Amino acid sequence: AEYVVDFLPKIRLEIVVSEDDVERCV
């Protein structure tokens, strides 16, 4: 049987950094 998978598995990362590190981190 064919079925639709609407929600795909992902990983959410949360990182808090100083403003100086934002660009390098991204």
PDB file of all heavy atoms in Angstrom:
ATOM      1  N   ALA A   1       0.851  -1.194   0.000  1.00  0.00           N
ATOM      2  CA  ALA A   1       0.000   0.000   0.000  1.00  0.00           C
ATOM      3  C   ALA A   1       0.891   1.250   0.000  1.00  0.00           C
ATOM      4  O   ALA A   1       1.878   1.321   0.711  1.00  0.00           O
ATOM      5  CB  ALA A   1      -0.896   0.009   1.232  1.00  0.00           C
ATOM      6  N   GLU A   2       0.490   2.215  -0.800  1.00  0.00           N
ATOM      7  CA  GLU A   2       1.235   3.463  -0.869  1.00  0.00           C
ATOM      8  C   GLU A   2       0.624   4.458   0.107  1.00  0.00           C
ATOM      9  O   GLU A   2      -0.600   4.562   0.214  1.00  0.00           O
ATOM     10  CB  GLU A   2       1.156   4.018  -2.297  1.00  0.00           C
ATOM     11  CG  GLU A   2       2.142   5.116  -2.576  1.00  0.00           C
ATOM     12  CD  GLU A   2       2.136   5.515  -4.034  1.00  0.00           C
ATOM     13  OE1 GLU A   2       2.814   4.850  -4.845  1.00  0.00           O
ATOM     14  OE2 GLU A   2       1.447   6.495  -4.349  1.00  0.00           O
ATOM     15  N   TYR A   3       1.470   5.159   0.847  1.00  0.00           N
ATOM     16  CA  TYR A   3       0.952   6.174   1.759  1.00  0.00           C
ATOM     17  C   TYR A   3       1.892   7.381   1.761  1.00  0.00           C
ATOM     18  O   TYR A   3       3.054   7.287   1.393  1.00  0.00           O
ATOM     19  CB  TYR A   3       0.760   5.627   3.175  1.00  0.00           C
ATOM     20  CG  TYR A   3       2.017   5.209   3.875  1.00  0.00           C
ATOM     21  CD1 TYR A   3       2.608   6.038   4.816  1.00  0.00           C
ATOM     22  CD2 TYR A   3       2.616   3.977   3.625  1.00  0.00           C
ATOM     23  CE1 TYR A   3       3.763   5.668   5.470  1.00  0.00           C
ATOM     24  CE2 TYR A   3       3.768   3.600   4.270  1.00  0.00           C
ATOM     25  CZ  TYR A   3       4.333   4.449   5.194  1.00  0.00           C
ATOM     26  OH  TYR A   3       5.484   4.067   5.833  1.00  0.00           O
ATOM     27  N   VAL A   4       1.349   8.518   2.167  1.00  0.00           N
ATOM     28  CA  VAL A   4       2.095   9.772   2.147  1.00  0.00           C
ATOM     29  C   VAL A   4       2.714  10.032   3.519  1.00  0.00           C
ATOM     30  O   VAL A   4       2.033   9.923   4.535  1.00  0.00           O
ATOM     31  CB  VAL A   4       1.166  10.950   1.762  1.00  0.00           C
ATOM     32  CG1 VAL A   4       1.920  12.273   1.823  1.00  0.00           C
ATOM     33  CG2 VAL A   4       0.584  10.729   0.376  1.00  0.00           C
ATOM     34  N   VAL A   5       3.992  10.352   3.523  1.00  0.00           N
ATOM     35  CA  VAL A   5       4.685  10.749   4.743  1.00  0.00           C
ATOM     36  C   VAL A   5       4.816  12.268   4.678  1.00  0.00           C
ATOM     37  O   VAL A   5       5.596  12.802   3.903  1.00  0.00           O
ATOM     38  CB  VAL A   5       6.080  10.089   4.836  1.00  0.00           C
ATOM     39  CG1 VAL A   5       6.812  10.572   6.078  1.00  0.00           C
ATOM     40  CG2 VAL A   5       5.955   8.579   4.836  1.00  0.00           C
ATOM     41  N   ASP A   6       3.985  12.974   5.458  1.00  0.00           N
ATOM     42  CA  ASP A   6       3.970  14.434   5.419  1.00  0.00           C
ATOM     43  C   ASP A   6       5.123  15.039   6.208  1.00  0.00           C
ATOM     44  O   ASP A   6       5.738  16.008   5.775  1.00  0.00           O
ATOM     45  CB  ASP A   6       2.652  14.981   5.987  1.00  0.00           C
ATOM     46  CG  ASP A   6       1.484  14.710   5.055  1.00  0.00           C
ATOM     47  OD1 ASP A   6       1.714  14.618   3.841  1.00  0.00           O
ATOM     48  OD2 ASP A   6       0.364  14.573   5.558  1.00  0.00           O
ATOM     49  N   PHE A   7       5.379  14.525   7.380  1.00  0.00           N
ATOM     50  CA  PHE A   7       6.404  15.092   8.244  1.00  0.00           C
ATOM     51  C   PHE A   7       7.665  14.243   8.169  1.00  0.00           C
ATOM     52  O   PHE A   7       7.633  13.047   8.451  1.00  0.00           O
ATOM     53  CB  PHE A   7       5.904  15.173   9.692  1.00  0.00           C
ATOM     54  CG  PHE A   7       4.848  16.219   9.873  1.00  0.00           C
ATOM     55  CD1 PHE A   7       3.508  15.895   9.751  1.00  0.00           C
ATOM     56  CD2 PHE A   7       5.196  17.527  10.147  1.00  0.00           C
ATOM     57  CE1 PHE A   7       2.531  16.860   9.903  1.00  0.00           C
ATOM     58  CE2 PHE A   7       4.236  18.503  10.299  1.00  0.00           C
ATOM     59  CZ  PHE A   7       2.895  18.163  10.178  1.00  0.00           C
ATOM     60  N   LEU A   8       8.757  14.873   7.794  1.00  0.00           N
ATOM     61  CA  LEU A   8      10.028  14.175   7.644  1.00  0.00           C
ATOM     62  C   LEU A   8      10.900  14.391   8.879  1.00  0.00           C
ATOM     63  O   LEU A   8      10.863  15.458   9.494  1.00  0.00           O
ATOM     64  CB  LEU A   8      10.752  14.706   6.409  1.00  0.00           C
ATOM     65  CG  LEU A   8       9.968  14.543   5.109  1.00  0.00           C
ATOM     66  CD1 LEU A   8      10.677  15.255   3.983  1.00  0.00           C
ATOM     67  CD2 LEU A   8       9.787  13.073   4.786  1.00  0.00           C
ATOM     68  N   PRO A   9      11.705  13.391   9.250  1.00  0.00           N
ATOM     69  CA  PRO A   9      12.570  13.552  10.424  1.00  0.00           C
ATOM     70  C   PRO A   9      13.674  14.573  10.150  1.00  0.00           C
ATOM     71  O   PRO A   9      14.283  14.572   9.080  1.00  0.00           O
ATOM     72  CB  PRO A   9      13.143  12.152  10.640  1.00  0.00           C
ATOM     73  CG  PRO A   9      12.987  11.453   9.347  1.00  0.00           C
ATOM     74  CD  PRO A   9      11.818  12.073   8.646  1.00  0.00           C
ATOM     75  N   LYS A  10      13.890  15.442  11.107  1.00  0.00           N
ATOM     76  CA  LYS A  10      14.935  16.465  11.046  1.00  0.00           C
ATOM     77  C   LYS A  10      15.587  16.575  12.419  1.00  0.00           C
ATOM     78  O   LYS A  10      15.102  16.019  13.394  1.00  0.00           O
ATOM     79  CB  LYS A  10      14.353  17.840  10.671  1.00  0.00           C
ATOM     80  CG  LYS A  10      13.623  17.893   9.341  1.00  0.00           C
ATOM     81  CD  LYS A  10      14.567  17.823   8.186  1.00  0.00           C
ATOM     82  CE  LYS A  10      13.797  17.922   6.874  1.00  0.00           C
ATOM     83  NZ  LYS A  10      14.673  17.869   5.728  1.00  0.00           N
ATOM     84  N   ILE A  11      16.676  17.321  12.490  1.00  0.00           N
ATOM     85  CA  ILE A  11      17.340  17.638  13.752  1.00  0.00           C
ATOM     86  C   ILE A  11      17.316  19.155  13.916  1.00  0.00           C
ATOM     87  O   ILE A  11      17.659  19.878  12.983  1.00  0.00           O
ATOM     88  CB  ILE A  11      18.809  17.149  13.772  1.00  0.00           C
ATOM     89  CG1 ILE A  11      18.891  15.635  13.637  1.00  0.00           C
ATOM     90  CG2 ILE A  11      19.531  17.624  15.034  1.00  0.00           C
ATOM     91  CD1 ILE A  11      18.408  14.853  14.833  1.00  0.00           C
ATOM     92  N   ARG A  12      16.926  19.614  15.104  1.00  0.00           N
ATOM     93  CA  ARG A  12      16.981  21.052  15.402  1.00  0.00           C
ATOM     94  C   ARG A  12      18.146  21.278  16.363  1.00  0.00           C
ATOM     95  O   ARG A  12      18.185  20.709  17.451  1.00  0.00           O
ATOM     96  CB  ARG A  12      15.693  21.552  16.038  1.00  0.00           C
ATOM     97  CG  ARG A  12      15.781  23.062  16.354  1.00  0.00           C
ATOM     98  CD  ARG A  12      14.528  23.619  16.934  1.00  0.00           C
ATOM     99  NE  ARG A  12      14.274  22.985  18.222  1.00  0.00           N
ATOM    100  CZ  ARG A  12      13.067  22.857  18.755  1.00  0.00           C
ATOM    101  NH1 ARG A  12      12.005  23.289  18.132  1.00  0.00           N
ATOM    102  NH2 ARG A  12      12.928  22.278  19.923  1.00  0.00           N
ATOM    103  N   LEU A  13      19.079  22.106  15.942  1.00  0.00           N
ATOM    104  CA  LEU A  13      20.207  22.483  16.784  1.00  0.00           C
ATOM    105  C   LEU A  13      19.950  23.867  17.353  1.00  0.00           C
ATOM    106  O   LEU A  13      19.489  24.757  16.634  1.00  0.00           O
ATOM    107  CB  LEU A  13      21.504  22.526  15.969  1.00  0.00           C
ATOM    108  CG  LEU A  13      21.948  21.223  15.326  1.00  0.00           C
ATOM    109  CD1 LEU A  13      23.196  21.468  14.496  1.00  0.00           C
ATOM    110  CD2 LEU A  13      22.211  20.178  16.382  1.00  0.00           C
ATOM    111  N   GLU A  14      20.255  24.041  18.630  1.00  0.00           N
ATOM    112  CA  GLU A  14      20.154  25.348  19.266  1.00  0.00           C
ATOM    113  C   GLU A  14      21.519  25.673  19.851  1.00  0.00           C
ATOM    114  O   GLU A  14      22.073  24.891  20.624  1.00  0.00           O
ATOM    115  CB  GLU A  14      19.093  25.330  20.354  1.00  0.00           C
ATOM    116  CG  GLU A  14      17.696  25.089  19.801  1.00  0.00           C
ATOM    117  CD  GLU A  14      16.664  24.940  20.893  1.00  0.00           C
ATOM    118  OE1 GLU A  14      16.535  23.812  21.400  1.00  0.00           O
ATOM    119  OE2 GLU A  14      16.031  25.949  21.235  1.00  0.00           O
ATOM    120  N   ILE A  15      22.043  26.841  19.463  1.00  0.00           N
ATOM    121  CA  ILE A  15      23.369  27.255  19.886  1.00  0.00           C
ATOM    122  C   ILE A  15      23.288  28.725  20.275  1.00  0.00           C
ATOM    123  O   ILE A  15      22.766  29.533  19.508  1.00  0.00           O
ATOM    124  CB  ILE A  15      24.388  27.097  18.732  1.00  0.00           C
ATOM    125  CG1 ILE A  15      24.320  25.680  18.163  1.00  0.00           C
ATOM    126  CG2 ILE A  15      25.788  27.444  19.182  1.00  0.00           C
ATOM    127  CD1 ILE A  15      24.613  25.587  16.709  1.00  0.00           C
ATOM    128  N   VAL A  16      23.803  29.076  21.447  1.00  0.00           N
ATOM    129  CA  VAL A  16      23.865  30.478  21.853  1.00  0.00           C
ATOM    130  C   VAL A  16      25.327  30.900  21.810  1.00  0.00           C
ATOM    131  O   VAL A  16      26.185  30.253  22.416  1.00  0.00           O
ATOM    132  CB  VAL A  16      23.272  30.682  23.264  1.00  0.00           C
ATOM    133  CG1 VAL A  16      23.429  32.121  23.705  1.00  0.00           C
ATOM    134  CG2 VAL A  16      21.802  30.283  23.269  1.00  0.00           C
ATOM    135  N   VAL A  17      25.588  31.975  21.055  1.00  0.00           N
ATOM    136  CA  VAL A  17      26.955  32.455  20.867  1.00  0.00           C
ATOM    137  C   VAL A  17      27.013  33.971  21.036  1.00  0.00           C
ATOM    138  O   VAL A  17      25.982  34.646  20.993  1.00  0.00           O
ATOM    139  CB  VAL A  17      27.506  32.076  19.469  1.00  0.00           C
ATOM    140  CG1 VAL A  17      27.601  30.574  19.301  1.00  0.00           C
ATOM    141  CG2 VAL A  17      26.668  32.680  18.363  1.00  0.00           C
ATOM    142  N   SER A  18      28.214  34.490  21.197  1.00  0.00           N
ATOM    143  CA  SER A  18      28.382  35.942  21.223  1.00  0.00           C
ATOM    144  C   SER A  18      28.173  36.471  19.800  1.00  0.00           C
ATOM    145  O   SER A  18      28.295  35.733  18.821  1.00  0.00           O
ATOM    146  CB  SER A  18      29.774  36.312  21.726  1.00  0.00           C
ATOM    147  OG  SER A  18      30.751  35.895  20.799  1.00  0.00           O
ATOM    148  N   GLU A  19      27.879  37.748  19.697  1.00  0.00           N
ATOM    149  CA  GLU A  19      27.609  38.336  18.379  1.00  0.00           C
ATOM    150  C   GLU A  19      28.801  38.210  17.445  1.00  0.00           C
ATOM    151  O   GLU A  19      28.634  38.128  16.233  1.00  0.00           O
ATOM    152  CB  GLU A  19      27.168  39.786  18.540  1.00  0.00           C
ATOM    153  CG  GLU A  19      25.859  39.876  19.297  1.00  0.00           C
ATOM    154  CD  GLU A  19      25.105  41.162  19.054  1.00  0.00           C
ATOM    155  OE1 GLU A  19      25.299  41.783  17.997  1.00  0.00           O
ATOM    156  OE2 GLU A  19      24.311  41.508  19.930  1.00  0.00           O
ATOM    157  N   ASP A  20      30.010  38.167  17.999  1.00  0.00           N
ATOM    158  CA  ASP A  20      31.216  38.049  17.179  1.00  0.00           C
ATOM    159  C   ASP A  20      31.309  36.687  16.478  1.00  0.00           C
ATOM    160  O   ASP A  20      31.958  36.569  15.440  1.00  0.00           O
ATOM    161  CB  ASP A  20      32.470  38.232  18.045  1.00  0.00           C
ATOM    162  CG  ASP A  20      32.523  39.607  18.683  1.00  0.00           C
ATOM    163  OD1 ASP A  20      31.873  40.536  18.160  1.00  0.00           O
ATOM    164  OD2 ASP A  20      33.207  39.752  19.716  1.00  0.00           O
ATOM    165  N   ASP A  21      30.687  35.669  17.046  1.00  0.00           N
ATOM    166  CA  ASP A  21      30.800  34.309  16.516  1.00  0.00           C
ATOM    167  C   ASP A  21      29.661  33.910  15.579  1.00  0.00           C
ATOM    168  O   ASP A  21      29.702  32.817  15.009  1.00  0.00           O
ATOM    169  CB  ASP A  21      30.851  33.303  17.676  1.00  0.00           C
ATOM    170  CG  ASP A  21      32.123  33.434  18.489  1.00  0.00           C
ATOM    171  OD1 ASP A  21      33.148  33.869  17.926  1.00  0.00           O
ATOM    172  OD2 ASP A  21      32.087  33.099  19.688  1.00  0.00           O
ATOM    173  N   VAL A  22      28.659  34.756  15.410  1.00  0.00           N
ATOM    174  CA  VAL A  22      27.469  34.372  14.650  1.00  0.00           C
ATOM    175  C   VAL A  22      27.799  34.006  13.210  1.00  0.00           C
ATOM    176  O   VAL A  22      27.420  32.934  12.729  1.00  0.00           O
ATOM    177  CB  VAL A  22      26.390  35.476  14.693  1.00  0.00           C
ATOM    178  CG1 VAL A  22      25.245  35.159  13.746  1.00  0.00           C
ATOM    179  CG2 VAL A  22      25.869  35.645  16.103  1.00  0.00           C
ATOM    180  N   GLU A  23      28.505  34.869  12.497  1.00  0.00           N
ATOM    181  CA  GLU A  23      28.791  34.622  11.079  1.00  0.00           C
ATOM    182  C   GLU A  23      29.586  33.347  10.873  1.00  0.00           C
ATOM    183  O   GLU A  23      29.269  32.538  10.004  1.00  0.00           O
ATOM    184  CB  GLU A  23      29.549  35.792  10.456  1.00  0.00           C
ATOM    185  CG  GLU A  23      28.692  36.849   9.803  1.00  0.00           C
ATOM    186  CD  GLU A  23      27.542  36.332   8.959  1.00  0.00           C
ATOM    187  OE1 GLU A  23      27.765  35.590   7.974  1.00  0.00           O
ATOM    188  OE2 GLU A  23      26.400  36.672   9.275  1.00  0.00           O
ATOM    189  N   ARG A  24      30.639  33.155  11.688  1.00  0.00           N
ATOM    190  CA  ARG A  24      31.462  31.941  11.566  1.00  0.00           C
ATOM    191  C   ARG A  24      30.637  30.698  11.836  1.00  0.00           C
ATOM    192  O   ARG A  24      30.780  29.677  11.161  1.00  0.00           O
ATOM    193  CB  ARG A  24      32.645  31.978  12.527  1.00  0.00           C
ATOM    194  CG  ARG A  24      33.680  33.011  12.191  1.00  0.00           C
ATOM    195  CD  ARG A  24      34.898  33.013  13.108  1.00  0.00           C
ATOM    196  NE  ARG A  24      34.574  32.799  14.511  1.00  0.00           N
ATOM    197  CZ  ARG A  24      35.122  31.842  15.264  1.00  0.00           C
ATOM    198  NH1 ARG A  24      36.000  31.011  14.758  1.00  0.00           N
ATOM    199  NH2 ARG A  24      34.784  31.714  16.534  1.00  0.00           N
ATOM    200  N   CYS A  25      29.756  30.777  12.814  1.00  0.00           N
ATOM    201  CA  CYS A  25      28.917  29.651  13.190  1.00  0.00           C
ATOM    202  C   CYS A  25      27.937  29.308  12.064  1.00  0.00           C
ATOM    203  O   CYS A  25      27.789  28.150  11.680  1.00  0.00           O
ATOM    204  CB  CYS A  25      28.173  29.985  14.481  1.00  0.00           C
ATOM    205  SG  CYS A  25      27.319  28.601  15.224  1.00  0.00           S
ATOM    206  N   VAL A  26      27.287  30.320  11.530  1.00  0.00           N
ATOM    207  CA  VAL A  26      26.328  30.099  10.434  1.00  0.00           C
ATOM    208  C   VAL A  26      27.039  29.519   9.215  1.00  0.00           C
ATOM    209  O   VAL A  26      26.561  28.560   8.602  1.00  0.00           O
ATOM    210  CB  VAL A  26      25.586  31.409  10.083  1.00  0.00           C
ATOM    211  CG1 VAL A  26      24.817  31.268   8.779  1.00  0.00           C
ATOM    212  CG2 VAL A  26      24.653  31.816  11.217  1.00  0.00           C
TER     213      VAL A  26
END
